[in-house]
Amino acid sequence: MSDQDRETSLDENLAGAELGASVVDAEGQVLVPGGTLLTLPIIELLRARGIESLVISQPPLEPAAKEREMLAR
């Protein structure tokens, strides 16, 4: 997991997000490899397999967005 990744719940609207890490089941089998763009069918598959959270990549913030984020803290 890099500094630009964050763990999130499958409850969020994640369609179109990029996985920052592979999603594995309890036995360690890779269900979806890192770098995959999430689609609704993939999200539903993960929910059906009992996955509750995953790591998504966040693109680097543009300078103005970084400044807004810093001011919000």
N, C-alpha and C. Protein backbone atom coordinates (compact mmCIF):
# COMPACT_ATOMS: atom_id res chain seq x y z
N MET A 1 0.85 -1.17 0.00
CA MET A 1 0.00 0.00 0.00
C MET A 1 0.89 1.23 0.00
N SER A 2 0.66 2.14 -0.92
CA SER A 2 1.48 3.35 -1.00
C SER A 2 0.82 4.49 -0.25
N ASP A 3 1.51 5.63 -0.18
CA ASP A 3 0.97 6.81 0.49
C ASP A 3 -0.29 7.33 -0.20
N GLN A 4 -0.48 6.96 -1.46
CA GLN A 4 -1.63 7.44 -2.21
C GLN A 4 -2.80 6.46 -2.17
N ASP A 5 -2.69 5.41 -1.39
CA ASP A 5 -3.76 4.42 -1.27
C ASP A 5 -4.49 4.62 0.05
N ARG A 6 -5.74 4.17 0.07
CA ARG A 6 -6.50 4.22 1.32
C ARG A 6 -7.44 3.04 1.39
N GLU A 7 -7.66 2.56 2.61
CA GLU A 7 -8.60 1.47 2.81
C GLU A 7 -9.99 2.07 2.91
N THR A 8 -10.95 1.42 2.30
CA THR A 8 -12.32 1.92 2.31
C THR A 8 -13.31 0.77 2.36
N SER A 9 -14.50 1.08 2.76
CA SER A 9 -15.57 0.10 2.86
C SER A 9 -16.21 -0.11 1.49
N LEU A 10 -16.74 -1.29 1.27
CA LEU A 10 -17.46 -1.55 0.02
C LEU A 10 -18.79 -0.81 -0.02
N ASP A 11 -19.16 -0.15 1.09
CA ASP A 11 -20.39 0.63 1.11
C ASP A 11 -20.28 1.89 0.27
N GLU A 12 -19.05 2.36 0.04
CA GLU A 12 -18.85 3.57 -0.76
C GLU A 12 -19.11 3.29 -2.23
N ASN A 13 -19.38 4.35 -2.99
CA ASN A 13 -19.56 4.24 -4.43
C ASN A 13 -18.16 4.12 -5.04
N LEU A 14 -17.74 2.91 -5.38
CA LEU A 14 -16.37 2.66 -5.83
C LEU A 14 -16.24 2.34 -7.30
N ALA A 15 -17.35 2.33 -8.04
CA ALA A 15 -17.27 2.02 -9.47
C ALA A 15 -16.33 3.01 -10.14
N GLY A 16 -15.35 2.49 -10.87
CA GLY A 16 -14.37 3.32 -11.57
C GLY A 16 -13.09 3.55 -10.78
N ALA A 17 -13.09 3.20 -9.48
CA ALA A 17 -11.89 3.35 -8.67
C ALA A 17 -10.89 2.24 -9.01
N GLU A 18 -9.62 2.51 -8.78
CA GLU A 18 -8.57 1.52 -9.04
C GLU A 18 -8.13 0.87 -7.75
N LEU A 19 -8.05 -0.45 -7.75
CA LEU A 19 -7.59 -1.17 -6.57
C LEU A 19 -6.11 -0.86 -6.32
N GLY A 20 -5.80 -0.50 -5.09
CA GLY A 20 -4.41 -0.22 -4.72
C GLY A 20 -3.67 -1.47 -4.28
N ALA A 21 -4.42 -2.55 -4.02
CA ALA A 21 -3.83 -3.82 -3.59
C ALA A 21 -4.77 -4.93 -4.01
N SER A 22 -4.23 -6.11 -4.21
CA SER A 22 -5.07 -7.26 -4.57
C SER A 22 -6.05 -7.56 -3.44
N VAL A 23 -7.22 -8.04 -3.81
CA VAL A 23 -8.21 -8.48 -2.84
C VAL A 23 -8.10 -10.00 -2.77
N VAL A 24 -7.89 -10.50 -1.55
CA VAL A 24 -7.74 -11.94 -1.36
C VAL A 24 -8.81 -12.45 -0.39
N ASP A 25 -9.14 -13.74 -0.54
CA ASP A 25 -10.11 -14.35 0.38
C ASP A 25 -9.38 -14.89 1.60
N ALA A 26 -10.13 -15.54 2.49
CA ALA A 26 -9.57 -16.04 3.74
C ALA A 26 -8.45 -17.06 3.53
N GLU A 27 -8.47 -17.76 2.40
CA GLU A 27 -7.43 -18.75 2.10
C GLU A 27 -6.24 -18.14 1.38
N GLY A 28 -6.30 -16.83 1.09
CA GLY A 28 -5.20 -16.17 0.40
C GLY A 28 -5.30 -16.19 -1.11
N GLN A 29 -6.40 -16.71 -1.64
CA GLN A 29 -6.60 -16.73 -3.09
C GLN A 29 -6.95 -15.33 -3.58
N VAL A 30 -6.26 -14.88 -4.63
CA VAL A 30 -6.51 -13.55 -5.19
C VAL A 30 -7.86 -13.57 -5.91
N LEU A 31 -8.76 -12.71 -5.45
CA LEU A 31 -10.06 -12.58 -6.09
C LEU A 31 -10.01 -11.55 -7.21
N VAL A 32 -9.35 -10.43 -6.94
CA VAL A 32 -9.19 -9.36 -7.92
C VAL A 32 -7.80 -8.78 -7.73
N PRO A 33 -6.98 -8.74 -8.81
CA PRO A 33 -5.62 -8.23 -8.65
C PRO A 33 -5.58 -6.71 -8.48
N GLY A 34 -4.56 -6.24 -7.76
CA GLY A 34 -4.34 -4.81 -7.62
C GLY A 34 -4.20 -4.16 -8.99
N GLY A 35 -4.64 -2.92 -9.09
CA GLY A 35 -4.58 -2.19 -10.35
C GLY A 35 -5.84 -2.32 -11.18
N THR A 36 -6.75 -3.22 -10.79
CA THR A 36 -8.00 -3.42 -11.51
C THR A 36 -8.93 -2.23 -11.28
N LEU A 37 -9.59 -1.78 -12.35
CA LEU A 37 -10.63 -0.76 -12.20
C LEU A 37 -11.92 -1.44 -11.78
N LEU A 38 -12.51 -0.97 -10.70
CA LEU A 38 -13.70 -1.61 -10.17
C LEU A 38 -14.94 -1.29 -11.01
N THR A 39 -15.73 -2.32 -11.22
CA THR A 39 -17.02 -2.19 -11.90
C THR A 39 -18.10 -2.69 -10.94
N LEU A 40 -19.35 -2.38 -11.22
CA LEU A 40 -20.43 -2.86 -10.36
C LEU A 40 -20.45 -4.38 -10.25
N PRO A 41 -20.27 -5.14 -11.34
CA PRO A 41 -20.24 -6.60 -11.20
C PRO A 41 -19.10 -7.10 -10.29
N ILE A 42 -17.93 -6.47 -10.37
CA ILE A 42 -16.82 -6.87 -9.50
C ILE A 42 -17.17 -6.56 -8.05
N ILE A 43 -17.73 -5.39 -7.80
CA ILE A 43 -18.11 -5.00 -6.44
C ILE A 43 -19.13 -5.98 -5.88
N GLU A 44 -20.12 -6.36 -6.68
CA GLU A 44 -21.13 -7.32 -6.23
C GLU A 44 -20.51 -8.69 -5.95
N LEU A 45 -19.56 -9.11 -6.78
CA LEU A 45 -18.86 -10.37 -6.54
C LEU A 45 -18.13 -10.33 -5.20
N LEU A 46 -17.44 -9.23 -4.93
CA LEU A 46 -16.71 -9.10 -3.67
C LEU A 46 -17.66 -9.12 -2.48
N ARG A 47 -18.78 -8.44 -2.59
CA ARG A 47 -19.77 -8.47 -1.50
C ARG A 47 -20.27 -9.89 -1.28
N ALA A 48 -20.55 -10.60 -2.37
CA ALA A 48 -21.05 -11.98 -2.27
C ALA A 48 -20.03 -12.90 -1.61
N ARG A 49 -18.75 -12.58 -1.77
CA ARG A 49 -17.68 -13.39 -1.16
C ARG A 49 -17.36 -12.96 0.27
N GLY A 50 -18.10 -11.98 0.78
CA GLY A 50 -17.93 -11.54 2.16
C GLY A 50 -16.86 -10.49 2.38
N ILE A 51 -16.36 -9.90 1.30
CA ILE A 51 -15.35 -8.85 1.43
C ILE A 51 -16.05 -7.57 1.89
N GLU A 52 -15.53 -6.94 2.94
CA GLU A 52 -16.17 -5.75 3.49
C GLU A 52 -15.39 -4.47 3.21
N SER A 53 -14.08 -4.59 2.97
CA SER A 53 -13.27 -3.41 2.69
C SER A 53 -12.15 -3.78 1.74
N LEU A 54 -11.57 -2.75 1.14
CA LEU A 54 -10.47 -2.95 0.21
C LEU A 54 -9.64 -1.68 0.13
N VAL A 55 -8.52 -1.77 -0.57
CA VAL A 55 -7.61 -0.62 -0.71
C VAL A 55 -7.76 -0.07 -2.11
N ILE A 56 -8.02 1.24 -2.20
CA ILE A 56 -8.10 1.88 -3.51
C ILE A 56 -6.97 2.89 -3.65
N SER A 57 -6.56 3.11 -4.90
CA SER A 57 -5.54 4.10 -5.21
C SER A 57 -6.21 5.45 -5.34
N GLN A 58 -5.52 6.45 -4.86
CA GLN A 58 -5.99 7.81 -5.03
C GLN A 58 -4.98 8.54 -5.90
N PRO A 59 -5.45 9.21 -6.93
CA PRO A 59 -4.49 9.96 -7.75
C PRO A 59 -3.87 11.09 -6.94
N PRO A 60 -2.66 11.49 -7.30
CA PRO A 60 -2.03 12.60 -6.59
C PRO A 60 -2.90 13.85 -6.69
N LEU A 61 -2.96 14.60 -5.60
CA LEU A 61 -3.76 15.83 -5.60
C LEU A 61 -3.05 16.92 -6.39
N GLU A 62 -3.85 17.73 -7.07
CA GLU A 62 -3.30 18.90 -7.75
C GLU A 62 -2.97 19.93 -6.68
N PRO A 63 -2.09 20.90 -6.97
CA PRO A 63 -1.66 21.87 -5.95
C PRO A 63 -2.82 22.57 -5.24
N ALA A 64 -3.84 22.99 -5.96
CA ALA A 64 -4.97 23.69 -5.33
C ALA A 64 -5.73 22.76 -4.39
N ALA A 65 -5.87 21.50 -4.78
CA ALA A 65 -6.56 20.53 -3.93
C ALA A 65 -5.74 20.24 -2.68
N LYS A 66 -4.41 20.17 -2.82
CA LYS A 66 -3.55 19.96 -1.66
C LYS A 66 -3.72 21.10 -0.66
N GLU A 67 -3.76 22.32 -1.19
CA GLU A 67 -3.90 23.49 -0.31
C GLU A 67 -5.24 23.46 0.41
N ARG A 68 -6.32 23.12 -0.28
CA ARG A 68 -7.64 23.03 0.36
C ARG A 68 -7.64 21.96 1.45
N GLU A 69 -7.00 20.82 1.15
CA GLU A 69 -6.94 19.73 2.13
C GLU A 69 -6.17 20.16 3.37
N MET A 70 -5.08 20.88 3.19
CA MET A 70 -4.28 21.33 4.32
C MET A 70 -5.05 22.35 5.15
N LEU A 71 -5.78 23.24 4.51
CA LEU A 71 -6.56 24.25 5.22
C LEU A 71 -7.72 23.62 6.00
N ALA A 72 -8.23 22.50 5.51
CA ALA A 72 -9.36 21.84 6.16
C ALA A 72 -8.95 21.13 7.43
N ARG A 73 -7.68 20.90 7.64
CA ARG A 73 -7.22 20.16 8.83
C ARG A 73 -7.24 20.99 10.05
